[in-house]
Amino acid sequence: MSLSGKRIAILIAPRGTEEPEFVQPKQAVEKAGAAVVVVGLEAGEAQAVNGDLDPGGKYKVDKKVSEVSASDFDGLVIPGGTVGADKLRGDRKVVALVKEFFQQAKPVGVICHGPWLLVEAGVVKGRTLTSYPTVATDVRNAGGTWVDQEVVTDKGLVTSRNPKDLPAFCAKIVEEFAEGRHPAQARNA
């Protein structure tokens, strides 16, 4: 499946994004032919983590969140990491960007603790998704249906639970990004 000509944004937080959940989706989307833009809170580099506690690699931030809009992209990837997802959901510009992707009916892939951003953006109500198990109550409280499955697709929204789900997650985000806009994605944005 080709993503040639598509631009995909991937979020990264300073010191907190789970490295495999950032690297593997980025590589999968690039391998399918998309141009990937790393979007962060700060310019420069962001250090990823492994298992939330161990330092990972450093990755170049291509654009600050204040420099982009959902209209610049064809899709969005939100990696997890407890600290990273919490930092991202605490930034109003990131939350607004996430909401824009839903308003514009563009596909979004979210893994692990990343659904915290969906809750914060108010786009969970009426959706079925998965996440790291400790986020389940947040999803339910926001009006979503939480299920314990490797990968869940709900009209352009792809979610997975943890790094073990990455092969299925990566395959499904490539498929959804190739399909393009999903009009039902904007139903509650």
Protein backbone atom coordinates (compact mmCIF):
# COMPACT_ATOMS: atom_id res chain seq x y z
CA MET A 1 0.00 0.00 0.00
CA SER A 2 1.52 3.30 -1.07
CA LEU A 3 1.47 6.55 0.84
CA SER A 4 3.39 8.37 -1.87
CA GLY A 5 2.57 12.07 -1.85
CA LYS A 6 1.08 12.00 1.67
CA ARG A 7 2.38 14.03 4.61
CA ILE A 8 1.96 12.53 8.05
CA ALA A 9 2.59 14.32 11.35
CA ILE A 10 3.93 12.42 14.35
CA LEU A 11 3.97 13.98 17.80
CA ILE A 12 6.89 13.79 20.20
CA ALA A 13 7.18 15.16 23.72
CA PRO A 14 10.39 16.35 25.35
CA ARG A 15 11.71 13.52 27.56
CA GLY A 16 8.76 11.18 27.64
CA THR A 17 7.58 9.66 24.35
CA GLU A 18 7.97 5.88 24.28
CA GLU A 19 10.72 5.20 21.74
CA PRO A 20 9.38 2.10 19.93
CA GLU A 21 5.93 3.71 19.68
CA PHE A 22 7.55 6.69 17.95
CA VAL A 23 10.19 4.94 15.82
CA GLN A 24 8.26 1.97 14.45
CA PRO A 25 5.16 3.85 13.20
CA LYS A 26 7.41 6.55 11.73
CA GLN A 27 9.46 3.94 9.87
CA ALA A 28 6.35 2.07 8.66
CA VAL A 29 4.78 5.22 7.23
CA GLU A 30 8.06 6.32 5.62
CA LYS A 31 8.59 2.86 4.14
CA ALA A 32 5.13 3.15 2.55
CA GLY A 33 6.28 6.37 0.88
CA ALA A 34 4.90 9.16 3.08
CA ALA A 35 6.82 12.23 4.15
CA VAL A 36 6.82 12.32 7.97
CA VAL A 37 7.07 15.55 9.94
CA VAL A 38 8.05 15.28 13.62
CA VAL A 39 6.01 17.81 15.60
CA GLY A 40 7.08 18.73 19.12
CA LEU A 41 6.51 21.25 21.87
CA GLU A 42 9.97 22.74 21.50
CA ALA A 43 12.45 23.23 18.66
CA GLY A 44 15.64 21.18 18.53
CA GLU A 45 15.65 17.59 19.73
CA ALA A 46 13.39 15.51 21.93
CA GLN A 47 14.63 12.56 23.95
CA ALA A 48 12.49 9.45 23.86
CA VAL A 49 12.26 6.92 26.68
CA ASN A 50 11.99 3.16 27.01
CA GLY A 51 9.64 1.71 29.59
CA ASP A 52 8.86 5.29 30.71
CA LEU A 53 12.03 5.45 32.81
CA ASP A 54 15.09 4.62 30.72
CA PRO A 55 16.50 7.26 28.37
CA GLY A 56 16.12 6.48 24.67
CA GLY A 57 17.43 8.15 21.57
CA LYS A 58 17.19 11.81 20.66
CA TYR A 59 15.11 12.82 17.65
CA LYS A 60 15.02 16.01 15.63
CA VAL A 61 11.85 18.06 15.93
CA ASP A 62 10.97 19.27 12.43
CA LYS A 63 8.27 21.73 13.48
CA LYS A 64 6.92 23.14 16.72
CA VAL A 65 3.22 22.56 17.26
CA SER A 66 2.68 26.32 17.02
CA GLU A 67 4.01 26.21 13.43
CA VAL A 68 1.60 23.61 12.03
CA SER A 69 -2.06 22.98 11.32
CA ALA A 70 -3.97 19.79 10.52
CA SER A 71 -4.52 21.19 7.03
CA ASP A 72 -0.75 20.71 6.43
CA PHE A 73 -1.08 16.92 6.73
CA ASP A 74 -2.96 13.83 5.58
CA GLY A 75 -2.83 12.03 8.94
CA LEU A 76 -1.49 12.04 12.49
CA VAL A 77 0.35 9.55 14.72
CA ILE A 78 0.22 9.96 18.50
CA PRO A 79 2.72 7.70 20.27
CA GLY A 80 2.40 6.80 23.93
CA GLY A 81 4.61 6.94 26.95
CA THR A 82 3.02 7.94 30.24
CA VAL A 83 5.06 11.09 30.74
CA GLY A 84 5.06 12.04 27.05
CA ALA A 85 1.30 11.67 26.62
CA ASP A 86 0.72 13.64 29.81
CA LYS A 87 2.99 16.48 28.64
CA LEU A 88 1.26 16.58 25.26
CA ARG A 89 -2.27 16.62 26.67
CA GLY A 90 -1.25 19.49 28.97
CA ASP A 91 -0.46 21.74 25.99
CA ARG A 92 -3.51 23.55 24.61
CA LYS A 93 -1.95 23.91 21.13
CA VAL A 94 -1.41 20.14 20.88
CA VAL A 95 -4.98 19.47 22.03
CA ALA A 96 -6.31 21.96 19.47
CA LEU A 97 -4.23 20.32 16.72
CA VAL A 98 -5.58 16.87 17.58
CA LYS A 99 -9.14 18.19 17.51
CA GLU A 100 -8.46 19.78 14.08
CA PHE A 101 -7.52 16.39 12.62
CA PHE A 102 -10.90 15.03 13.70
CA GLN A 103 -12.78 18.10 12.47
CA GLN A 104 -11.09 17.66 9.08
CA ALA A 105 -11.97 13.92 9.02
CA LYS A 106 -8.33 12.88 8.70
CA PRO A 107 -7.07 9.51 9.93
CA VAL A 108 -5.33 9.38 13.31
CA GLY A 109 -3.28 6.53 14.85
CA VAL A 110 -2.91 6.47 18.63
CA ILE A 111 -1.17 3.95 20.87
CA CYS A 112 -0.71 3.21 24.57
CA HIS A 113 -1.31 6.34 26.72
CA GLY A 114 -1.86 8.50 23.62
CA PRO A 115 -5.67 8.33 23.96
CA TRP A 116 -5.32 10.80 26.85
CA LEU A 117 -4.99 13.42 24.10
CA LEU A 118 -8.23 12.23 22.52
CA VAL A 119 -10.00 12.53 25.87
CA GLU A 120 -8.58 16.03 26.36
CA ALA A 121 -9.62 17.03 22.82
CA GLY A 122 -13.18 15.83 23.45
CA VAL A 123 -13.29 13.40 20.51
CA VAL A 124 -13.86 10.09 22.32
CA LYS A 125 -17.63 10.16 22.86
CA GLY A 126 -19.39 7.43 20.85
CA ARG A 127 -16.15 5.81 19.67
CA THR A 128 -14.74 2.36 20.28
CA LEU A 129 -11.03 2.27 21.02
CA THR A 130 -8.29 0.63 23.00
CA SER A 131 -5.30 1.92 24.95
CA TYR A 132 -2.97 0.96 27.73
CA PRO A 133 -5.32 -0.63 30.33
CA THR A 134 -4.91 2.18 32.88
CA VAL A 135 -6.43 4.65 30.41
CA ALA A 136 -9.65 2.58 30.07
CA THR A 137 -11.55 4.48 32.77
CA ASP A 138 -10.62 7.82 31.19
CA VAL A 139 -11.95 6.58 27.84
CA ARG A 140 -15.20 5.36 29.42
CA ASN A 141 -15.64 8.57 31.43
CA ALA A 142 -15.25 10.54 28.19
CA GLY A 143 -18.11 8.58 26.61
CA GLY A 144 -16.10 6.02 24.65
CA THR A 145 -16.25 2.25 24.61
CA TRP A 146 -12.95 0.65 25.66
CA VAL A 147 -12.03 -2.81 24.41
CA ASP A 148 -8.99 -4.98 25.10
CA GLN A 149 -7.81 -5.75 21.55
CA GLU A 150 -4.51 -5.57 19.69
CA VAL A 151 -5.77 -2.96 17.23
CA VAL A 152 -9.13 -1.21 16.91
CA THR A 153 -10.30 0.87 13.96
CA ASP A 154 -13.24 3.25 14.27
CA LYS A 155 -13.86 5.27 11.08
CA GLY A 156 -10.31 6.52 10.59
CA LEU A 157 -9.19 6.28 14.22
CA VAL A 158 -6.70 3.46 14.84
CA THR A 159 -5.75 2.56 18.43
CA SER A 160 -3.53 -0.06 20.06
CA ARG A 161 -2.55 -0.95 23.62
CA ASN A 162 1.24 -1.15 23.91
CA PRO A 163 4.53 -1.83 22.07
CA LYS A 164 3.67 -5.52 21.61
CA ASP A 165 0.83 -4.40 19.33
CA LEU A 166 3.09 -2.34 17.05
CA PRO A 167 3.16 -4.73 14.06
CA ALA A 168 -0.66 -4.71 13.81
CA PHE A 169 -0.84 -0.98 14.63
CA CYS A 170 1.71 -0.02 11.98
CA ALA A 171 -0.01 -2.10 9.28
CA LYS A 172 -3.41 -0.60 10.11
CA ILE A 173 -2.26 3.05 10.19
CA VAL A 174 -0.66 2.65 6.77
CA GLU A 175 -3.97 1.23 5.49
CA GLU A 176 -6.06 4.04 7.02
CA PHE A 177 -3.68 6.77 5.84
CA ALA A 178 -3.87 5.29 2.31
CA GLU A 179 -7.69 5.39 2.44
CA GLY A 180 -7.58 9.09 3.33
CA ARG A 181 -10.38 11.12 4.84
CA HIS A 182 -13.16 9.40 6.75
CA PRO A 183 -16.21 11.72 6.88
CA ALA A 184 -17.54 9.97 10.01
CA GLN A 185 -14.29 10.91 11.79
CA ALA A 186 -15.69 14.42 12.29
CA ARG A 187 -18.94 13.23 13.86
CA ASN A 188 -18.13 14.38 17.38
CA ALA A 189 -15.21 16.74 16.94
